[in-house]
Amino acid sequence: MKKLMIFIAGLAFGYPSCNMCHNGRVAPKIDSMNAAELKQKLLEMKKSNNINPKMAFIKNYSDKEIEKMIKNFKERK
């Protein structure tokens, strides 16, 4: 249930707010990355012990959920 709630929160708040930092001057731009690059970076973050606390939520996602998140993000552009 906890994982489902985190996933729903990510759908509700994650995608619109990604652009707040990632297409501003704070974090790397993600609009210029293709889906494969995004997946690679998110999977690397998921496995890392040295992760920005703002991105720590990614550890709660499965690989399939990460793929779905990327697909939904790219479709919203």
PDB file of N, CA and C in Angstrom:
ATOM      1  N   MET A   1       0.823  -1.193   0.000  1.00  0.00           N
ATOM      2  CA  MET A   1       0.000   0.000   0.000  1.00  0.00           C
ATOM      3  C   MET A   1       0.871   1.262   0.000  1.00  0.00           C
ATOM      4  N   LYS A   2       1.951   1.212   0.799  1.00  0.00           N
ATOM      5  CA  LYS A   2       2.847   2.369   0.865  1.00  0.00           C
ATOM      6  C   LYS A   2       3.439   2.673  -0.507  1.00  0.00           C
ATOM      7  N   LYS A   3       3.855   1.616  -1.209  1.00  0.00           N
ATOM      8  CA  LYS A   3       4.438   1.789  -2.535  1.00  0.00           C
ATOM      9  C   LYS A   3       3.430   2.388  -3.512  1.00  0.00           C
ATOM     10  N   LEU A   4       2.182   1.934  -3.412  1.00  0.00           N
ATOM     11  CA  LEU A   4       1.125   2.462  -4.271  1.00  0.00           C
ATOM     12  C   LEU A   4       0.909   3.949  -4.001  1.00  0.00           C
ATOM     13  N   MET A   5       0.901   4.337  -2.740  1.00  0.00           N
ATOM     14  CA  MET A   5       0.699   5.745  -2.388  1.00  0.00           C
ATOM     15  C   MET A   5       1.854   6.610  -2.897  1.00  0.00           C
ATOM     16  N   ILE A   6       3.068   6.094  -2.791  1.00  0.00           N
ATOM     17  CA  ILE A   6       4.230   6.835  -3.295  1.00  0.00           C
ATOM     18  C   ILE A   6       4.129   6.977  -4.810  1.00  0.00           C
ATOM     19  N   PHE A   7       3.720   5.906  -5.486  1.00  0.00           N
ATOM     20  CA  PHE A   7       3.572   5.949  -6.939  1.00  0.00           C
ATOM     21  C   PHE A   7       2.508   6.968  -7.345  1.00  0.00           C
ATOM     22  N   ILE A   8       1.367   6.964  -6.640  1.00  0.00           N
ATOM     23  CA  ILE A   8       0.285   7.916  -6.933  1.00  0.00           C
ATOM     24  C   ILE A   8       0.757   9.342  -6.679  1.00  0.00           C
ATOM     25  N   ALA A   9       1.477   9.541  -5.584  1.00  0.00           N
ATOM     26  CA  ALA A   9       2.012  10.876  -5.294  1.00  0.00           C
ATOM     27  C   ALA A   9       2.981  11.307  -6.389  1.00  0.00           C
ATOM     28  N   GLY A  10       3.788  10.362  -6.879  1.00  0.00           N
ATOM     29  CA  GLY A  10       4.703  10.676  -7.972  1.00  0.00           C
ATOM     30  C   GLY A  10       3.961  11.076  -9.227  1.00  0.00           C
ATOM     31  N   LEU A  11       2.874  10.374  -9.516  1.00  0.00           N
ATOM     32  CA  LEU A  11       2.065  10.733 -10.681  1.00  0.00           C
ATOM     33  C   LEU A  11       1.432  12.100 -10.511  1.00  0.00           C
ATOM     34  N   ALA A  12       0.936  12.353  -9.313  1.00  0.00           N
ATOM     35  CA  ALA A  12       0.230  13.607  -9.063  1.00  0.00           C
ATOM     36  C   ALA A  12       1.167  14.804  -8.990  1.00  0.00           C
ATOM     37  N   PHE A  13       2.309  14.615  -8.315  1.00  0.00           N
ATOM     38  CA  PHE A  13       3.179  15.754  -8.053  1.00  0.00           C
ATOM     39  C   PHE A  13       4.523  15.686  -8.760  1.00  0.00           C
ATOM     40  N   GLY A  14       4.980  14.496  -9.063  1.00  0.00           N
ATOM     41  CA  GLY A  14       6.331  14.331  -9.589  1.00  0.00           C
ATOM     42  C   GLY A  14       6.526  14.882 -10.980  1.00  0.00           C
ATOM     43  N   TYR A  15       5.676  14.517 -11.894  1.00  0.00           N
ATOM     44  CA  TYR A  15       5.904  14.912 -13.278  1.00  0.00           C
ATOM     45  C   TYR A  15       5.845  16.417 -13.495  1.00  0.00           C
ATOM     46  N   PRO A  16       4.815  17.108 -13.024  1.00  0.00           N
ATOM     47  CA  PRO A  16       4.818  18.548 -13.251  1.00  0.00           C
ATOM     48  C   PRO A  16       5.985  19.237 -12.565  1.00  0.00           C
ATOM     49  N   SER A  17       6.367  18.769 -11.374  1.00  0.00           N
ATOM     50  CA  SER A  17       7.413  19.456 -10.631  1.00  0.00           C
ATOM     51  C   SER A  17       8.812  19.098 -11.108  1.00  0.00           C
ATOM     52  N   CYS A  18       8.974  18.030 -11.885  1.00  0.00           N
ATOM     53  CA  CYS A  18      10.300  17.695 -12.421  1.00  0.00           C
ATOM     54  C   CYS A  18      10.862  18.892 -13.174  1.00  0.00           C
ATOM     55  N   ASN A  19      10.036  19.510 -13.981  1.00  0.00           N
ATOM     56  CA  ASN A  19      10.481  20.629 -14.805  1.00  0.00           C
ATOM     57  C   ASN A  19      10.837  21.862 -13.992  1.00  0.00           C
ATOM     58  N   MET A  20      10.305  21.965 -12.781  1.00  0.00           N
ATOM     59  CA  MET A  20      10.617  23.134 -11.960  1.00  0.00           C
ATOM     60  C   MET A  20      12.123  23.245 -11.737  1.00  0.00           C
ATOM     61  N   CYS A  21      12.759  22.134 -11.454  1.00  0.00           N
ATOM     62  CA  CYS A  21      14.209  22.140 -11.213  1.00  0.00           C
ATOM     63  C   CYS A  21      15.000  21.740 -12.444  1.00  0.00           C
ATOM     64  N   HIS A  22      14.519  20.723 -13.140  1.00  0.00           N
ATOM     65  CA  HIS A  22      15.325  20.139 -14.203  1.00  0.00           C
ATOM     66  C   HIS A  22      15.329  20.923 -15.497  1.00  0.00           C
ATOM     67  N   ASN A  23      14.453  21.850 -15.671  1.00  0.00           N
ATOM     68  CA  ASN A  23      14.523  22.681 -16.865  1.00  0.00           C
ATOM     69  C   ASN A  23      14.714  24.137 -16.507  1.00  0.00           C
ATOM     70  N   GLY A  24      15.025  24.346 -15.240  1.00  0.00           N
ATOM     71  CA  GLY A  24      15.462  25.652 -14.785  1.00  0.00           C
ATOM     72  C   GLY A  24      16.976  25.648 -14.768  1.00  0.00           C
ATOM     73  N   ARG A  25      17.550  26.347 -13.814  1.00  0.00           N
ATOM     74  CA  ARG A  25      19.016  26.385 -13.729  1.00  0.00           C
ATOM     75  C   ARG A  25      19.534  25.582 -12.546  1.00  0.00           C
ATOM     76  N   VAL A  26      18.666  24.849 -11.877  1.00  0.00           N
ATOM     77  CA  VAL A  26      19.045  24.149 -10.656  1.00  0.00           C
ATOM     78  C   VAL A  26      19.631  22.773 -10.940  1.00  0.00           C
ATOM     79  N   ALA A  27      19.008  21.991 -11.809  1.00  0.00           N
ATOM     80  CA  ALA A  27      19.394  20.602 -12.050  1.00  0.00           C
ATOM     81  C   ALA A  27      19.562  20.368 -13.553  1.00  0.00           C
ATOM     82  N   PRO A  28      20.146  19.244 -13.926  1.00  0.00           N
ATOM     83  CA  PRO A  28      20.330  18.953 -15.362  1.00  0.00           C
ATOM     84  C   PRO A  28      19.015  18.971 -16.131  1.00  0.00           C
ATOM     85  N   LYS A  29      19.080  19.469 -17.347  1.00  0.00           N
ATOM     86  CA  LYS A  29      17.880  19.526 -18.185  1.00  0.00           C
ATOM     87  C   LYS A  29      17.496  18.122 -18.625  1.00  0.00           C
ATOM     88  N   ILE A  30      16.212  17.785 -18.472  1.00  0.00           N
ATOM     89  CA  ILE A  30      15.769  16.450 -18.865  1.00  0.00           C
ATOM     90  C   ILE A  30      14.982  16.454 -20.165  1.00  0.00           C
ATOM     91  N   ASP A  31      14.546  17.622 -20.610  1.00  0.00           N
ATOM     92  CA  ASP A  31      13.836  17.673 -21.886  1.00  0.00           C
ATOM     93  C   ASP A  31      14.740  17.291 -23.050  1.00  0.00           C
ATOM     94  N   SER A  32      16.032  17.554 -22.906  1.00  0.00           N
ATOM     95  CA  SER A  32      16.956  17.252 -24.002  1.00  0.00           C
ATOM     96  C   SER A  32      17.429  15.799 -23.978  1.00  0.00           C
ATOM     97  N   MET A  33      17.103  15.059 -22.907  1.00  0.00           N
ATOM     98  CA  MET A  33      17.505  13.653 -22.817  1.00  0.00           C
ATOM     99  C   MET A  33      16.463  12.762 -23.470  1.00  0.00           C
ATOM    100  N   ASN A  34      16.917  11.684 -24.092  1.00  0.00           N
ATOM    101  CA  ASN A  34      15.957  10.722 -24.625  1.00  0.00           C
ATOM    102  C   ASN A  34      15.567   9.743 -23.515  1.00  0.00           C
ATOM    103  N   ALA A  35      14.615   8.896 -23.796  1.00  0.00           N
ATOM    104  CA  ALA A  35      14.089   7.973 -22.787  1.00  0.00           C
ATOM    105  C   ALA A  35      15.166   7.026 -22.254  1.00  0.00           C
ATOM    106  N   ALA A  36      16.053   6.568 -23.119  1.00  0.00           N
ATOM    107  CA  ALA A  36      17.112   5.648 -22.686  1.00  0.00           C
ATOM    108  C   ALA A  36      18.068   6.324 -21.706  1.00  0.00           C
ATOM    109  N   GLU A  37      18.411   7.578 -21.984  1.00  0.00           N
ATOM    110  CA  GLU A  37      19.291   8.317 -21.073  1.00  0.00           C
ATOM    111  C   GLU A  37      18.628   8.541 -19.718  1.00  0.00           C
ATOM    112  N   LEU A  38      17.356   8.919 -19.749  1.00  0.00           N
ATOM    113  CA  LEU A  38      16.616   9.122 -18.496  1.00  0.00           C
ATOM    114  C   LEU A  38      16.556   7.838 -17.683  1.00  0.00           C
ATOM    115  N   LYS A  39      16.259   6.733 -18.350  1.00  0.00           N
ATOM    116  CA  LYS A  39      16.169   5.448 -17.660  1.00  0.00           C
ATOM    117  C   LYS A  39      17.505   5.091 -17.032  1.00  0.00           C
ATOM    118  N   GLN A  40      18.582   5.254 -17.779  1.00  0.00           N
ATOM    119  CA  GLN A  40      19.910   4.935 -17.269  1.00  0.00           C
ATOM    120  C   GLN A  40      20.222   5.766 -16.028  1.00  0.00           C
ATOM    121  N   LYS A  41      19.965   7.062 -16.094  1.00  0.00           N
ATOM    122  CA  LYS A  41      20.267   7.944 -14.961  1.00  0.00           C
ATOM    123  C   LYS A  41      19.417   7.601 -13.744  1.00  0.00           C
ATOM    124  N   LEU A  42      18.123   7.338 -13.954  1.00  0.00           N
ATOM    125  CA  LEU A  42      17.260   7.000 -12.823  1.00  0.00           C
ATOM    126  C   LEU A  42      17.640   5.670 -12.198  1.00  0.00           C
ATOM    127  N   LEU A  43      18.003   4.685 -13.014  1.00  0.00           N
ATOM    128  CA  LEU A  43      18.431   3.395 -12.473  1.00  0.00           C
ATOM    129  C   LEU A  43      19.756   3.522 -11.721  1.00  0.00           C
ATOM    130  N   GLU A  44      20.654   4.376 -12.207  1.00  0.00           N
ATOM    131  CA  GLU A  44      21.907   4.620 -11.492  1.00  0.00           C
ATOM    132  C   GLU A  44      21.620   5.268 -10.133  1.00  0.00           C
ATOM    133  N   MET A  45      20.705   6.228 -10.115  1.00  0.00           N
ATOM    134  CA  MET A  45      20.329   6.868  -8.854  1.00  0.00           C
ATOM    135  C   MET A  45      19.721   5.873  -7.888  1.00  0.00           C
ATOM    136  N   LYS A  46      18.877   5.007  -8.429  1.00  0.00           N
ATOM    137  CA  LYS A  46      18.200   4.007  -7.598  1.00  0.00           C
ATOM    138  C   LYS A  46      19.210   3.111  -6.887  1.00  0.00           C
ATOM    139  N   LYS A  47      20.294   2.755  -7.564  1.00  0.00           N
ATOM    140  CA  LYS A  47      21.302   1.859  -7.000  1.00  0.00           C
ATOM    141  C   LYS A  47      22.324   2.585  -6.129  1.00  0.00           C
ATOM    142  N   SER A  48      22.393   3.905  -6.248  1.00  0.00           N
ATOM    143  CA  SER A  48      23.410   4.684  -5.556  1.00  0.00           C
ATOM    144  C   SER A  48      23.067   4.886  -4.076  1.00  0.00           C
ATOM    145  N   ASN A  49      24.107   4.938  -3.267  1.00  0.00           N
ATOM    146  CA  ASN A  49      23.935   5.292  -1.858  1.00  0.00           C
ATOM    147  C   ASN A  49      24.142   6.780  -1.642  1.00  0.00           C
ATOM    148  N   ASN A  50      24.712   7.441  -2.617  1.00  0.00           N
ATOM    149  CA  ASN A  50      24.972   8.871  -2.544  1.00  0.00           C
ATOM    150  C   ASN A  50      23.985   9.578  -3.468  1.00  0.00           C
ATOM    151  N   ILE A  51      22.811   9.880  -2.945  1.00  0.00           N
ATOM    152  CA  ILE A  51      21.729  10.436  -3.768  1.00  0.00           C
ATOM    153  C   ILE A  51      21.200  11.708  -3.131  1.00  0.00           C
ATOM    154  N   ASN A  52      20.833  12.649  -3.973  1.00  0.00           N
ATOM    155  CA  ASN A  52      20.210  13.879  -3.503  1.00  0.00           C
ATOM    156  C   ASN A  52      18.921  13.518  -2.771  1.00  0.00           C
ATOM    157  N   PRO A  53      18.710  14.022  -1.570  1.00  0.00           N
ATOM    158  CA  PRO A  53      17.494  13.683  -0.815  1.00  0.00           C
ATOM    159  C   PRO A  53      16.199  13.974  -1.568  1.00  0.00           C
ATOM    160  N   LYS A  54      16.209  14.945  -2.458  1.00  0.00           N
ATOM    161  CA  LYS A  54      15.006  15.269  -3.232  1.00  0.00           C
ATOM    162  C   LYS A  54      14.669  14.172  -4.235  1.00  0.00           C
ATOM    163  N   MET A  55      15.659  13.356  -4.578  1.00  0.00           N
ATOM    164  CA  MET A  55      15.442  12.285  -5.545  1.00  0.00           C
ATOM    165  C   MET A  55      15.380  10.907  -4.883  1.00  0.00           C
ATOM    166  N   ALA A  56      15.423  10.861  -3.558  1.00  0.00           N
ATOM    167  CA  ALA A  56      15.444   9.588  -2.832  1.00  0.00           C
ATOM    168  C   ALA A  56      14.191   8.755  -3.079  1.00  0.00           C
ATOM    169  N   PHE A  57      13.098   9.389  -3.486  1.00  0.00           N
ATOM    170  CA  PHE A  57      11.862   8.658  -3.755  1.00  0.00           C
ATOM    171  C   PHE A  57      12.045   7.592  -4.824  1.00  0.00           C
ATOM    172  N   ILE A  58      13.038   7.763  -5.684  1.00  0.00           N
ATOM    173  CA  ILE A  58      13.233   6.836  -6.809  1.00  0.00           C
ATOM    174  C   ILE A  58      13.572   5.430  -6.320  1.00  0.00           C
ATOM    175  N   LYS A  59      14.120   5.304  -5.130  1.00  0.00           N
ATOM    176  CA  LYS A  59      14.461   3.993  -4.586  1.00  0.00           C
ATOM    177  C   LYS A  59      13.224   3.144  -4.323  1.00  0.00           C
ATOM    178  N   ASN A  60      12.060   3.765  -4.218  1.00  0.00           N
ATOM    179  CA  ASN A  60      10.815   3.045  -3.954  1.00  0.00           C
ATOM    180  C   ASN A  60      10.136   2.535  -5.217  1.00  0.00           C
ATOM    181  N   TYR A  61      10.661   2.889  -6.376  1.00  0.00           N
ATOM    182  CA  TYR A  61      10.054   2.497  -7.643  1.00  0.00           C
ATOM    183  C   TYR A  61      10.720   1.248  -8.208  1.00  0.00           C
ATOM    184  N   SER A  62       9.927   0.394  -8.829  1.00  0.00           N
ATOM    185  CA  SER A  62      10.492  -0.757  -9.550  1.00  0.00           C
ATOM    186  C   SER A  62      10.982  -0.265 -10.911  1.00  0.00           C
ATOM    187  N   ASP A  63      11.722  -1.107 -11.607  1.00  0.00           N
ATOM    188  CA  ASP A  63      12.212  -0.739 -12.939  1.00  0.00           C
ATOM    189  C   ASP A  63      11.053  -0.482 -13.898  1.00  0.00           C
ATOM    190  N   LYS A  64       9.988  -1.271 -13.790  1.00  0.00           N
ATOM    191  CA  LYS A  64       8.820  -1.077 -14.663  1.00  0.00           C
ATOM    192  C   LYS A  64       8.129   0.244 -14.344  1.00  0.00           C
ATOM    193  N   GLU A  65       8.057   0.604 -13.079  1.00  0.00           N
ATOM    194  CA  GLU A  65       7.442   1.878 -12.699  1.00  0.00           C
ATOM    195  C   GLU A  65       8.271   3.049 -13.204  1.00  0.00           C
ATOM    196  N   ILE A  66       9.578   2.903 -13.195  1.00  0.00           N
ATOM    197  CA  ILE A  66      10.456   3.953 -13.723  1.00  0.00           C
ATOM    198  C   ILE A  66      10.234   4.109 -15.219  1.00  0.00           C
ATOM    199  N   GLU A  67      10.124   2.995 -15.940  1.00  0.00           N
ATOM    200  CA  GLU A  67       9.843   3.067 -17.378  1.00  0.00           C
ATOM    201  C   GLU A  67       8.507   3.760 -17.645  1.00  0.00           C
ATOM    202  N   LYS A  68       7.500   3.437 -16.839  1.00  0.00           N
ATOM    203  CA  LYS A  68       6.187   4.066 -17.006  1.00  0.00           C
ATOM    204  C   LYS A  68       6.267   5.561 -16.718  1.00  0.00           C
ATOM    205  N   MET A  69       7.023   5.950 -15.696  1.00  0.00           N
ATOM    206  CA  MET A  69       7.178   7.357 -15.362  1.00  0.00           C
ATOM    207  C   MET A  69       7.829   8.110 -16.514  1.00  0.00           C
ATOM    208  N   ILE A  70       8.869   7.529 -17.105  1.00  0.00           N
ATOM    209  CA  ILE A  70       9.554   8.168 -18.229  1.00  0.00           C
ATOM    210  C   ILE A  70       8.612   8.296 -19.425  1.00  0.00           C
ATOM    211  N   LYS A  71       7.887   7.238 -19.712  1.00  0.00           N
ATOM    212  CA  LYS A  71       6.936   7.262 -20.839  1.00  0.00           C
ATOM    213  C   LYS A  71       5.904   8.361 -20.642  1.00  0.00           C
ATOM    214  N   ASN A  72       5.337   8.446 -19.442  1.00  0.00           N
ATOM    215  CA  ASN A  72       4.340   9.482 -19.152  1.00  0.00           C
ATOM    216  C   ASN A  72       4.936  10.878 -19.233  1.00  0.00           C
ATOM    217  N   PHE A  73       6.161  11.034 -18.752  1.00  0.00           N
ATOM    218  CA  PHE A  73       6.816  12.336 -18.811  1.00  0.00           C
ATOM    219  C   PHE A  73       7.038  12.759 -20.254  1.00  0.00           C
ATOM    220  N   LYS A  74       7.543  11.843 -21.076  1.00  0.00           N
ATOM    221  CA  LYS A  74       7.816  12.170 -22.471  1.00  0.00           C
ATOM    222  C   LYS A  74       6.525  12.461 -23.246  1.00  0.00           C
ATOM    223  N   GLU A  75       5.431  11.816 -22.878  1.00  0.00           N
ATOM    224  CA  GLU A  75       4.148  12.057 -23.551  1.00  0.00           C
ATOM    225  C   GLU A  75       3.576  13.416 -23.205  1.00  0.00           C
ATOM    226  N   ARG A  76       3.906  13.948 -22.067  1.00  0.00           N
ATOM    227  CA  ARG A  76       3.373  15.246 -21.628  1.00  0.00           C
ATOM    228  C   ARG A  76       4.044  16.426 -22.300  1.00  0.00           C
ATOM    229  N   LYS A  77       5.177  16.195 -22.961  1.00  0.00           N
ATOM    230  CA  LYS A  77       5.912  17.291 -23.611  1.00  0.00           C
ATOM    231  C   LYS A  77       5.141  17.843 -24.770  1.00  0.00           C
TER     232      LYS A  77
END
